[in-house]
PDB file of all heavy atoms in Angstrom:
ATOM      1  N   ALA A   1      87.692 132.160 107.796  1.00  0.00           N
ATOM      2  CA  ALA A   1      87.725 132.697 109.181  1.00  0.00           C
ATOM      3  C   ALA A   1      86.829 131.805 110.141  1.00  0.00           C
ATOM      4  O   ALA A   1      87.116 131.674 111.290  1.00  0.00           O
ATOM      5  CB  ALA A   1      87.129 134.106 109.187  1.00  0.00           C
ATOM      6  N   THR A   2      85.731 131.143 109.569  1.00  0.00           N
ATOM      7  CA  THR A   2      84.837 130.476 110.439  1.00  0.00           C
ATOM      8  C   THR A   2      84.989 128.944 110.408  1.00  0.00           C
ATOM      9  O   THR A   2      84.625 128.319 111.375  1.00  0.00           O
ATOM     10  CB  THR A   2      83.432 130.821 109.984  1.00  0.00           C
ATOM     11  OG1 THR A   2      83.212 130.407 108.543  1.00  0.00           O
ATOM     12  CG2 THR A   2      83.077 132.281 110.193  1.00  0.00           C
ATOM     13  N   GLN A   3      85.504 128.475 109.367  1.00  0.00           N
ATOM     14  CA  GLN A   3      85.687 126.957 109.264  1.00  0.00           C
ATOM     15  C   GLN A   3      87.045 126.485 108.945  1.00  0.00           C
ATOM     16  O   GLN A   3      87.542 125.585 109.606  1.00  0.00           O
ATOM     17  CB  GLN A   3      84.708 126.514 108.121  1.00  0.00           C
ATOM     18  CG  GLN A   3      83.276 126.857 108.323  1.00  0.00           C
ATOM     19  CD  GLN A   3      82.372 126.225 107.265  1.00  0.00           C
ATOM     20  OE1 GLN A   3      82.591 125.236 106.540  1.00  0.00           O
ATOM     21  NE2 GLN A   3      81.250 126.968 107.095  1.00  0.00           N
ATOM     22  N   LEU A   4      87.763 127.041 107.883  1.00  0.00           N
ATOM     23  CA  LEU A   4      89.038 126.510 107.565  1.00  0.00           C
ATOM     24  C   LEU A   4      90.161 126.785 108.505  1.00  0.00           C
ATOM     25  O   LEU A   4      91.213 126.021 108.401  1.00  0.00           O
ATOM     26  CB  LEU A   4      89.430 127.037 106.161  1.00  0.00           C
ATOM     27  CG  LEU A   4      88.476 126.736 105.044  1.00  0.00           C
ATOM     28  CD1 LEU A   4      89.004 127.282 103.631  1.00  0.00           C
ATOM     29  CD2 LEU A   4      88.102 125.231 104.931  1.00  0.00           C
ATOM     30  N   GLU A   5      89.978 127.646 109.383  1.00  0.00           N
ATOM     31  CA  GLU A   5      91.051 128.037 110.364  1.00  0.00           C
ATOM     32  C   GLU A   5      91.297 126.748 111.307  1.00  0.00           C
ATOM     33  O   GLU A   5      92.358 126.668 111.898  1.00  0.00           O
ATOM     34  CB  GLU A   5      90.685 129.190 111.205  1.00  0.00           C
ATOM     35  CG  GLU A   5      89.484 128.938 112.129  1.00  0.00           C
ATOM     36  CD  GLU A   5      89.218 130.180 112.950  1.00  0.00           C
ATOM     37  OE1 GLU A   5      89.944 131.172 112.828  1.00  0.00           O
ATOM     38  OE2 GLU A   5      88.262 130.113 113.790  1.00  0.00           O
ATOM     39  N   ARG A   6      90.290 125.838 111.342  1.00  0.00           N
ATOM     40  CA  ARG A   6      90.527 124.667 112.228  1.00  0.00           C
ATOM     41  C   ARG A   6      91.014 123.439 111.482  1.00  0.00           C
ATOM     42  O   ARG A   6      91.074 122.374 112.031  1.00  0.00           O
ATOM     43  CB  ARG A   6      89.123 124.289 112.879  1.00  0.00           C
ATOM     44  CG  ARG A   6      88.839 125.177 114.102  1.00  0.00           C
ATOM     45  CD  ARG A   6      87.463 124.804 114.597  1.00  0.00           C
ATOM     46  NE  ARG A   6      86.388 125.291 113.719  1.00  0.00           N
ATOM     47  CZ  ARG A   6      85.931 126.544 113.730  1.00  0.00           C
ATOM     48  NH1 ARG A   6      86.479 127.469 114.563  1.00  0.00           N
ATOM     49  NH2 ARG A   6      85.089 126.904 112.938  1.00  0.00           N
ATOM     50  N   VAL A   7      91.242 123.609 110.155  1.00  0.00           N
ATOM     51  CA  VAL A   7      91.751 122.503 109.388  1.00  0.00           C
ATOM     52  C   VAL A   7      93.263 122.755 109.065  1.00  0.00           C
ATOM     53  O   VAL A   7      93.606 123.572 108.223  1.00  0.00           O
ATOM     54  CB  VAL A   7      90.928 122.454 107.991  1.00  0.00           C
ATOM     55  CG1 VAL A   7      91.438 121.265 107.204  1.00  0.00           C
ATOM     56  CG2 VAL A   7      89.453 122.326 108.305  1.00  0.00           C
ATOM     57  N   GLY A   8      94.147 122.040 109.672  1.00  0.00           N
ATOM     58  CA  GLY A   8      95.531 122.085 109.459  1.00  0.00           C
ATOM     59  C   GLY A   8      95.939 120.808 108.690  1.00  0.00           C
ATOM     60  O   GLY A   8      95.148 119.925 108.283  1.00  0.00           O
ATOM     61  N   PRO A   9      97.164 120.764 108.358  1.00  0.00           N
ATOM     62  CA  PRO A   9      97.712 119.548 107.522  1.00  0.00           C
ATOM     63  C   PRO A   9      97.358 118.199 108.215  1.00  0.00           C
ATOM     64  O   PRO A   9      97.106 117.278 107.472  1.00  0.00           O
ATOM     65  CB  PRO A   9      99.227 119.835 107.484  1.00  0.00           C
ATOM     66  CG  PRO A   9      99.428 121.305 107.661  1.00  0.00           C
ATOM     67  CD  PRO A   9      98.264 121.686 108.589  1.00  0.00           C
ATOM     68  N   ILE A  10      97.543 118.200 109.565  1.00  0.00           N
ATOM     69  CA  ILE A  10      97.199 116.882 110.162  1.00  0.00           C
ATOM     70  C   ILE A  10      95.715 116.518 110.030  1.00  0.00           C
ATOM     71  O   ILE A  10      95.389 115.374 109.727  1.00  0.00           O
ATOM     72  CB  ILE A  10      97.614 116.960 111.693  1.00  0.00           C
ATOM     73  CG1 ILE A  10      99.031 117.185 111.867  1.00  0.00           C
ATOM     74  CG2 ILE A  10      97.123 115.618 112.408  1.00  0.00           C
ATOM     75  CD1 ILE A  10      99.570 117.316 113.307  1.00  0.00           C
ATOM     76  N   GLU A  11      94.902 117.431 110.248  1.00  0.00           N
ATOM     77  CA  GLU A  11      93.444 117.159 110.075  1.00  0.00           C
ATOM     78  C   GLU A  11      93.078 116.799 108.680  1.00  0.00           C
ATOM     79  O   GLU A  11      92.232 115.986 108.384  1.00  0.00           O
ATOM     80  CB  GLU A  11      92.579 118.459 110.508  1.00  0.00           C
ATOM     81  CG  GLU A  11      92.656 118.738 111.983  1.00  0.00           C
ATOM     82  CD  GLU A  11      93.988 119.401 112.445  1.00  0.00           C
ATOM     83  OE1 GLU A  11      94.716 119.877 111.619  1.00  0.00           O
ATOM     84  OE2 GLU A  11      94.145 119.538 113.684  1.00  0.00           O
ATOM     85  N   PHE A  12      93.812 117.450 107.717  1.00  0.00           N
ATOM     86  CA  PHE A  12      93.483 117.195 106.345  1.00  0.00           C
ATOM     87  C   PHE A  12      93.883 115.763 105.950  1.00  0.00           C
ATOM     88  O   PHE A  12      93.179 114.973 105.345  1.00  0.00           O
ATOM     89  CB  PHE A  12      94.215 118.203 105.356  1.00  0.00           C
ATOM     90  CG  PHE A  12      93.978 117.980 103.970  1.00  0.00           C
ATOM     91  CD1 PHE A  12      92.776 118.505 103.288  1.00  0.00           C
ATOM     92  CD2 PHE A  12      94.856 117.387 103.114  1.00  0.00           C
ATOM     93  CE1 PHE A  12      92.528 118.300 101.985  1.00  0.00           C
ATOM     94  CE2 PHE A  12      94.674 117.182 101.777  1.00  0.00           C
ATOM     95  CZ  PHE A  12      93.480 117.634 101.217  1.00  0.00           C
ATOM     96  N   VAL A  13      95.110 115.355 106.328  1.00  0.00           N
ATOM     97  CA  VAL A  13      95.493 114.008 106.057  1.00  0.00           C
ATOM     98  C   VAL A  13      94.599 113.024 106.774  1.00  0.00           C
ATOM     99  O   VAL A  13      94.358 111.915 106.248  1.00  0.00           O
ATOM    100  CB  VAL A  13      96.990 113.892 106.372  1.00  0.00           C
ATOM    101  CG1 VAL A  13      97.455 112.415 106.227  1.00  0.00           C
ATOM    102  CG2 VAL A  13      97.881 114.823 105.464  1.00  0.00           C
ATOM    103  N   ALA A  14      94.372 113.347 108.095  1.00  0.00           N
ATOM    104  CA  ALA A  14      93.582 112.363 108.847  1.00  0.00           C
ATOM    105  C   ALA A  14      92.217 112.142 108.176  1.00  0.00           C
ATOM    106  O   ALA A  14      91.590 111.067 108.217  1.00  0.00           O
ATOM    107  CB  ALA A  14      93.421 112.908 110.292  1.00  0.00           C
ATOM    108  N   GLY A  15      91.639 113.199 107.585  1.00  0.00           N
ATOM    109  CA  GLY A  15      90.410 113.168 106.942  1.00  0.00           C
ATOM    110  C   GLY A  15      90.449 112.074 105.751  1.00  0.00           C
ATOM    111  O   GLY A  15      89.393 111.410 105.473  1.00  0.00           O
ATOM    112  N   GLN A  16      91.576 112.056 105.091  1.00  0.00           N
ATOM    113  CA  GLN A  16      91.759 111.077 103.954  1.00  0.00           C
ATOM    114  C   GLN A  16      91.641 109.702 104.547  1.00  0.00           C
ATOM    115  O   GLN A  16      91.182 108.766 103.796  1.00  0.00           O
ATOM    116  CB  GLN A  16      93.077 111.307 103.243  1.00  0.00           C
ATOM    117  CG  GLN A  16      93.282 112.737 102.811  1.00  0.00           C
ATOM    118  CD  GLN A  16      92.097 113.452 102.116  1.00  0.00           C
ATOM    119  OE1 GLN A  16      91.452 112.881 101.181  1.00  0.00           O
ATOM    120  NE2 GLN A  16      91.784 114.601 102.525  1.00  0.00           N
ATOM    121  N   LEU A  17      92.137 109.414 105.685  1.00  0.00           N
ATOM    122  CA  LEU A  17      92.187 108.062 106.204  1.00  0.00           C
ATOM    123  C   LEU A  17      90.842 107.540 106.555  1.00  0.00           C
ATOM    124  O   LEU A  17      90.640 106.312 106.637  1.00  0.00           O
ATOM    125  CB  LEU A  17      93.040 107.987 107.476  1.00  0.00           C
ATOM    126  CG  LEU A  17      94.549 108.419 107.328  1.00  0.00           C
ATOM    127  CD1 LEU A  17      95.200 108.414 108.682  1.00  0.00           C
ATOM    128  CD2 LEU A  17      95.185 107.541 106.311  1.00  0.00           C
ATOM    129  N   LEU A  18      89.885 108.451 106.605  1.00  0.00           N
ATOM    130  CA  LEU A  18      88.441 107.953 106.910  1.00  0.00           C
ATOM    131  C   LEU A  18      87.883 107.203 105.616  1.00  0.00           C
ATOM    132  O   LEU A  18      86.874 106.573 105.804  1.00  0.00           O
ATOM    133  CB  LEU A  18      87.451 109.173 107.080  1.00  0.00           C
ATOM    134  CG  LEU A  18      87.863 109.873 108.498  1.00  0.00           C
ATOM    135  CD1 LEU A  18      86.920 111.196 108.537  1.00  0.00           C
ATOM    136  CD2 LEU A  18      87.670 108.939 109.648  1.00  0.00           C
ATOM    137  N   LEU A  19      88.593 107.206 104.548  1.00  0.00           N
ATOM    138  CA  LEU A  19      88.262 106.342 103.409  1.00  0.00           C
ATOM    139  C   LEU A  19      88.481 104.912 103.727  1.00  0.00           C
ATOM    140  O   LEU A  19      87.929 103.991 102.973  1.00  0.00           O
ATOM    141  CB  LEU A  19      89.021 106.734 102.184  1.00  0.00           C
ATOM    142  CG  LEU A  19      88.673 108.022 101.533  1.00  0.00           C
ATOM    143  CD1 LEU A  19      89.656 108.400 100.418  1.00  0.00           C
ATOM    144  CD2 LEU A  19      87.266 107.917 100.818  1.00  0.00           C
ATOM    145  N   GLY A  20      89.195 104.608 104.777  1.00  0.00           N
ATOM    146  CA  GLY A  20      89.484 103.212 105.212  1.00  0.00           C
ATOM    147  C   GLY A  20      90.472 102.536 104.250  1.00  0.00           C
ATOM    148  O   GLY A  20      91.404 103.130 103.648  1.00  0.00           O
ATOM    149  N   PRO A  21      90.224 101.249 104.126  1.00  0.00           N
ATOM    150  CA  PRO A  21      91.231 100.461 103.272  1.00  0.00           C
ATOM    151  C   PRO A  21      91.236 100.884 101.795  1.00  0.00           C
ATOM    152  O   PRO A  21      92.243 100.660 101.203  1.00  0.00           O
ATOM    153  CB  PRO A  21      90.712  98.994 103.362  1.00  0.00           C
ATOM    154  CG  PRO A  21      89.319  99.159 103.825  1.00  0.00           C
ATOM    155  CD  PRO A  21      89.221 100.367 104.642  1.00  0.00           C
ATOM    156  N   ALA A  22      90.189 101.552 101.308  1.00  0.00           N
ATOM    157  CA  ALA A  22      90.281 102.081 100.033  1.00  0.00           C
ATOM    158  C   ALA A  22      91.410 103.181  99.802  1.00  0.00           C
ATOM    159  O   ALA A  22      91.797 103.442  98.757  1.00  0.00           O
ATOM    160  CB  ALA A  22      88.935 102.628  99.610  1.00  0.00           C
ATOM    161  N   PHE A  23      91.730 103.824 100.959  1.00  0.00           N
ATOM    162  CA  PHE A  23      92.857 104.843 100.827  1.00  0.00           C
ATOM    163  C   PHE A  23      94.069 104.231 100.399  1.00  0.00           C
ATOM    164  O   PHE A  23      94.901 104.744  99.638  1.00  0.00           O
ATOM    165  CB  PHE A  23      92.933 105.595 102.140  1.00  0.00           C
ATOM    166  CG  PHE A  23      93.990 106.600 102.144  1.00  0.00           C
ATOM    167  CD1 PHE A  23      93.876 107.807 101.429  1.00  0.00           C
ATOM    168  CD2 PHE A  23      95.235 106.497 102.868  1.00  0.00           C
ATOM    169  CE1 PHE A  23      94.802 108.817 101.449  1.00  0.00           C
ATOM    170  CE2 PHE A  23      96.135 107.428 102.876  1.00  0.00           C
ATOM    171  CZ  PHE A  23      95.981 108.558 102.057  1.00  0.00           C
ATOM    172  N   ALA A  24      94.331 102.964 100.912  1.00  0.00           N
ATOM    173  CA  ALA A  24      95.603 102.279 100.504  1.00  0.00           C
ATOM    174  C   ALA A  24      95.489 101.948  98.952  1.00  0.00           C
ATOM    175  O   ALA A  24      96.546 102.029  98.307  1.00  0.00           O
ATOM    176  CB  ALA A  24      95.695 101.014 101.263  1.00  0.00           C
ATOM    177  N   LEU A  25      94.366 101.667  98.507  1.00  0.00           N
ATOM    178  CA  LEU A  25      94.277 101.446  97.010  1.00  0.00           C
ATOM    179  C   LEU A  25      94.476 102.654  96.246  1.00  0.00           C
ATOM    180  O   LEU A  25      95.153 102.636  95.196  1.00  0.00           O
ATOM    181  CB  LEU A  25      92.758 100.929  96.751  1.00  0.00           C
ATOM    182  CG  LEU A  25      92.456 100.337  95.365  1.00  0.00           C
ATOM    183  CD1 LEU A  25      93.299  99.071  95.221  1.00  0.00           C
ATOM    184  CD2 LEU A  25      90.972 100.099  95.207  1.00  0.00           C
ATOM    185  N   ALA A  26      94.035 103.868  96.853  1.00  0.00           N
ATOM    186  CA  ALA A  26      94.317 105.071  96.126  1.00  0.00           C
ATOM    187  C   ALA A  26      95.785 105.463  96.059  1.00  0.00           C
ATOM    188  O   ALA A  26      96.386 105.946  95.109  1.00  0.00           O
ATOM    189  CB  ALA A  26      93.487 106.200  96.782  1.00  0.00           C
ATOM    190  N   VAL A  27      96.435 105.167  97.228  1.00  0.00           N
ATOM    191  CA  VAL A  27      97.928 105.440  97.257  1.00  0.00           C
ATOM    192  C   VAL A  27      98.641 104.555  96.244  1.00  0.00           C
ATOM    193  O   VAL A  27      99.533 104.947  95.562  1.00  0.00           O
ATOM    194  CB  VAL A  27      98.479 105.191  98.694  1.00  0.00           C
ATOM    195  CG1 VAL A  27     100.055 105.250  98.689  1.00  0.00           C
ATOM    196  CG2 VAL A  27      97.893 106.205  99.635  1.00  0.00           C
ATOM    197  N   LEU A  28      98.297 103.278  96.233  1.00  0.00           N
ATOM    198  CA  LEU A  28      98.862 102.393  95.183  1.00  0.00           C
ATOM    199  C   LEU A  28      98.602 102.902  93.762  1.00  0.00           C
ATOM    200  O   LEU A  28      99.521 102.743  92.882  1.00  0.00           O
ATOM    201  CB  LEU A  28      98.281 100.917  95.363  1.00  0.00           C
ATOM    202  CG  LEU A  28      98.730  99.909  94.401  1.00  0.00           C
ATOM    203  CD1 LEU A  28     100.264  99.699  94.524  1.00  0.00           C
ATOM    204  CD2 LEU A  28      98.052  98.592  94.680  1.00  0.00           C
ATOM    205  N   GLY A  29      97.332 103.413  93.544  1.00  0.00           N
ATOM    206  CA  GLY A  29      97.064 103.915  92.222  1.00  0.00           C
ATOM    207  C   GLY A  29      97.938 105.106  91.843  1.00  0.00           C
ATOM    208  O   GLY A  29      98.367 105.299  90.768  1.00  0.00           O
ATOM    209  N   ALA A  30      98.186 106.065  92.886  1.00  0.00           N
ATOM    210  CA  ALA A  30      99.088 107.170  92.617  1.00  0.00           C
ATOM    211  C   ALA A  30     100.439 106.763  92.251  1.00  0.00           C
ATOM    212  O   ALA A  30     101.162 107.229  91.326  1.00  0.00           O
ATOM    213  CB  ALA A  30      99.077 108.123  93.743  1.00  0.00           C
ATOM    214  N   TRP A  31     100.991 105.827  93.036  1.00  0.00           N
ATOM    215  CA  TRP A  31     102.287 105.225  92.744  1.00  0.00           C
ATOM    216  C   TRP A  31     102.389 104.543  91.384  1.00  0.00           C
ATOM    217  O   TRP A  31     103.337 104.817  90.600  1.00  0.00           O
ATOM    218  CB  TRP A  31     102.666 104.188  93.798  1.00  0.00           C
ATOM    219  CG  TRP A  31     104.050 103.659  93.627  1.00  0.00           C
ATOM    220  CD1 TRP A  31     105.174 104.142  94.233  1.00  0.00           C
ATOM    221  CD2 TRP A  31     104.445 102.592  92.765  1.00  0.00           C
ATOM    222  NE1 TRP A  31     106.289 103.322  93.767  1.00  0.00           N
ATOM    223  CE2 TRP A  31     105.875 102.439  92.959  1.00  0.00           C
ATOM    224  CE3 TRP A  31     103.731 101.704  91.939  1.00  0.00           C
ATOM    225  CZ2 TRP A  31     106.582 101.423  92.249  1.00  0.00           C
ATOM    226  CZ3 TRP A  31     104.447 100.656  91.257  1.00  0.00           C
ATOM    227  CH2 TRP A  31     105.839 100.600  91.419  1.00  0.00           C
ATOM    228  N   HIS A  32     101.244 103.915  90.975  1.00  0.00           N
ATOM    229  CA  HIS A  32     101.315 103.191  89.684  1.00  0.00           C
ATOM    230  C   HIS A  32     101.327 104.218  88.525  1.00  0.00           C
ATOM    231  O   HIS A  32     102.151 104.051  87.627  1.00  0.00           O
ATOM    232  CB  HIS A  32     100.011 102.349  89.607  1.00  0.00           C
ATOM    233  CG  HIS A  32      99.855 101.688  88.299  1.00  0.00           C
ATOM    234  ND1 HIS A  32     100.669 100.565  87.836  1.00  0.00           N
ATOM    235  CD2 HIS A  32      99.037 101.925  87.262  1.00  0.00           C
ATOM    236  CE1 HIS A  32     100.297 100.204  86.644  1.00  0.00           C
ATOM    237  NE2 HIS A  32      99.263 100.921  86.240  1.00  0.00           N
ATOM    238  N   LEU A  33     100.513 105.279  88.689  1.00  0.00           N
ATOM    239  CA  LEU A  33     100.478 106.275  87.611  1.00  0.00           C
ATOM    240  C   LEU A  33     101.860 107.080  87.479  1.00  0.00           C
ATOM    241  O   LEU A  33     102.156 107.505  86.419  1.00  0.00           O
ATOM    242  CB  LEU A  33      99.378 107.237  87.936  1.00  0.00           C
ATOM    243  CG  LEU A  33      97.939 106.691  87.754  1.00  0.00           C
ATOM    244  CD1 LEU A  33      96.933 107.759  88.217  1.00  0.00           C
ATOM    245  CD2 LEU A  33      97.657 106.301  86.295  1.00  0.00           C
ATOM    246  N   LEU A  34     102.530 107.200  88.613  1.00  0.00           N
ATOM    247  CA  LEU A  34     103.806 108.024  88.553  1.00  0.00           C
ATOM    248  C   LEU A  34     104.978 107.126  88.303  1.00  0.00           C
ATOM    249  O   LEU A  34     105.950 107.733  87.720  1.00  0.00           O
ATOM    250  CB  LEU A  34     103.944 108.767  89.876  1.00  0.00           C
ATOM    251  CG  LEU A  34     102.932 109.833  90.187  1.00  0.00           C
ATOM    252  CD1 LEU A  34     103.133 110.454  91.637  1.00  0.00           C
ATOM    253  CD2 LEU A  34     103.054 110.944  89.230  1.00  0.00           C
ATOM    254  N   ARG A  35     104.963 105.893  88.632  1.00  0.00           N
ATOM    255  CA  ARG A  35     106.196 105.166  88.539  1.00  0.00           C
ATOM    256  C   ARG A  35     106.150 103.966  87.606  1.00  0.00           C
ATOM    257  O   ARG A  35     107.252 103.560  87.049  1.00  0.00           O
ATOM    258  CB  ARG A  35     106.541 104.544  90.000  1.00  0.00           C
ATOM    259  CG  ARG A  35     106.637 105.667  91.044  1.00  0.00           C
ATOM    260  CD  ARG A  35     107.926 106.474  90.825  1.00  0.00           C
ATOM    261  NE  ARG A  35     109.202 105.626  90.863  1.00  0.00           N
ATOM    262  CZ  ARG A  35     110.283 106.143  90.667  1.00  0.00           C
ATOM    263  NH1 ARG A  35     110.458 107.438  90.267  1.00  0.00           N
ATOM    264  NH2 ARG A  35     111.447 105.384  90.733  1.00  0.00           N
ATOM    265  N   ALA A  36     105.038 103.366  87.356  1.00  0.00           N
ATOM    266  CA  ALA A  36     105.022 102.184  86.501  1.00  0.00           C
ATOM    267  C   ALA A  36     105.339 102.576  85.094  1.00  0.00           C
ATOM    268  O   ALA A  36     104.938 103.525  84.479  1.00  0.00           O
ATOM    269  CB  ALA A  36     103.595 101.525  86.560  1.00  0.00           C
ATOM    270  N   GLU A  37     106.257 101.638  84.452  1.00  0.00           N
ATOM    271  CA  GLU A  37     106.678 101.984  83.140  1.00  0.00           C
ATOM    272  C   GLU A  37     105.603 101.905  82.098  1.00  0.00           C
ATOM    273  O   GLU A  37     105.436 102.693  81.149  1.00  0.00           O
ATOM    274  CB  GLU A  37     107.805 101.015  82.739  1.00  0.00           C
ATOM    275  CG  GLU A  37     109.078 101.165  83.548  1.00  0.00           C
ATOM    276  CD  GLU A  37     110.188 100.310  83.067  1.00  0.00           C
ATOM    277  OE1 GLU A  37     109.833  99.536  82.125  1.00  0.00           O
ATOM    278  OE2 GLU A  37     111.279 100.250  83.673  1.00  0.00           O
ATOM    279  N   ASP A  38     104.666 100.981  82.319  1.00  0.00           N
ATOM    280  CA  ASP A  38     103.646 100.822  81.308  1.00  0.00           C
ATOM    281  C   ASP A  38     102.467 101.867  81.537  1.00  0.00           C
ATOM    282  O   ASP A  38     101.451 101.847  80.757  1.00  0.00           O
ATOM    283  CB  ASP A  38     103.061  99.385  81.406  1.00  0.00           C
ATOM    284  CG  ASP A  38     102.500  99.050  82.777  1.00  0.00           C
ATOM    285  OD1 ASP A  38     102.781  99.774  83.737  1.00  0.00           O
ATOM    286  OD2 ASP A  38     101.719  98.011  82.798  1.00  0.00           O
ATOM    287  N   ALA A  39     102.620 102.669  82.563  1.00  0.00           N
ATOM    288  CA  ALA A  39     101.603 103.783  82.679  1.00  0.00           C
ATOM    289  C   ALA A  39     102.179 105.159  82.402  1.00  0.00           C
ATOM    290  O   ALA A  39     101.704 106.192  82.745  1.00  0.00           O
ATOM    291  CB  ALA A  39     101.184 103.846  84.294  1.00  0.00           C
ATOM    292  N   GLU A  40     103.284 105.154  81.556  1.00  0.00           N
ATOM    293  CA  GLU A  40     103.908 106.442  81.101  1.00  0.00           C
ATOM    294  C   GLU A  40     102.863 107.387  80.406  1.00  0.00           C
ATOM    295  O   GLU A  40     102.915 108.584  80.466  1.00  0.00           O
ATOM    296  CB  GLU A  40     105.057 106.124  80.279  1.00  0.00           C
ATOM    297  CG  GLU A  40     105.740 107.443  79.819  1.00  0.00           C
ATOM    298  CD  GLU A  40     106.996 107.151  78.976  1.00  0.00           C
ATOM    299  OE1 GLU A  40     107.211 105.965  78.619  1.00  0.00           O
ATOM    300  OE2 GLU A  40     107.711 108.064  78.541  1.00  0.00           O
ATOM    301  N   ARG A  41     101.955 106.722  79.561  1.00  0.00           N
ATOM    302  CA  ARG A  41     100.992 107.543  78.872  1.00  0.00           C
ATOM    303  C   ARG A  41     100.081 108.287  79.731  1.00  0.00           C
ATOM    304  O   ARG A  41      99.526 109.333  79.306  1.00  0.00           O
ATOM    305  CB  ARG A  41     100.216 106.597  77.985  1.00  0.00           C
ATOM    306  CG  ARG A  41     100.928 105.999  76.837  1.00  0.00           C
ATOM    307  CD  ARG A  41     100.084 104.912  76.130  1.00  0.00           C
ATOM    308  NE  ARG A  41      99.789 103.766  76.999  1.00  0.00           N
ATOM    309  CZ  ARG A  41      98.958 102.821  76.702  1.00  0.00           C
ATOM    310  NH1 ARG A  41      98.268 102.840  75.544  1.00  0.00           N
ATOM    311  NH2 ARG A  41      98.741 101.838  77.553  1.00  0.00           N
ATOM    312  N   TRP A  42      99.870 107.931  80.994  1.00  0.00           N
ATOM    313  CA  TRP A  42      98.964 108.535  81.909  1.00  0.00           C
ATOM    314  C   TRP A  42      99.595 109.237  83.040  1.00  0.00           C
ATOM    315  O   TRP A  42      99.042 109.439  84.088  1.00  0.00           O
ATOM    316  CB  TRP A  42      97.966 107.466  82.372  1.00  0.00           C
ATOM    317  CG  TRP A  42      97.322 106.666  81.284  1.00  0.00           C
ATOM    318  CD1 TRP A  42      96.600 107.147  80.222  1.00  0.00           C
ATOM    319  CD2 TRP A  42      97.379 105.305  81.151  1.00  0.00           C
ATOM    320  NE1 TRP A  42      96.280 106.233  79.495  1.00  0.00           N
ATOM    321  CE2 TRP A  42      96.672 104.949  79.948  1.00  0.00           C
ATOM    322  CE3 TRP A  42      97.932 104.173  81.900  1.00  0.00           C
ATOM    323  CZ2 TRP A  42      96.562 103.669  79.508  1.00  0.00           C
ATOM    324  CZ3 TRP A  42      97.797 102.985  81.472  1.00  0.00           C
ATOM    325  CH2 TRP A  42      97.112 102.709  80.201  1.00  0.00           C
ATOM    326  N   ARG A  43     100.881 109.469  82.854  1.00  0.00           N
ATOM    327  CA  ARG A  43     101.727 110.153  83.864  1.00  0.00           C
ATOM    328  C   ARG A  43     101.115 111.464  84.346  1.00  0.00           C
ATOM    329  O   ARG A  43     101.163 111.885  85.486  1.00  0.00           O
ATOM    330  CB  ARG A  43     103.132 110.304  83.501  1.00  0.00           C
ATOM    331  CG  ARG A  43     104.033 110.585  84.627  1.00  0.00           C
ATOM    332  CD  ARG A  43     104.389 109.244  85.276  1.00  0.00           C
ATOM    333  NE  ARG A  43     105.379 108.456  84.547  1.00  0.00           N
ATOM    334  CZ  ARG A  43     105.426 107.083  84.424  1.00  0.00           C
ATOM    335  NH1 ARG A  43     104.418 106.414  85.085  1.00  0.00           N
ATOM    336  NH2 ARG A  43     106.268 106.441  83.735  1.00  0.00           N
TER     337      ARG A  43
END
């Protein structure tokens, strides 16, 4: 009621971008864990 009502999907995603260029590294990491063949053990 006091804090989370101001946090919508856009604000949530925008908050992740505050990580700066490291956020791109995290996105690449998620793609690698989900798609890379040699990462199947850690899917």
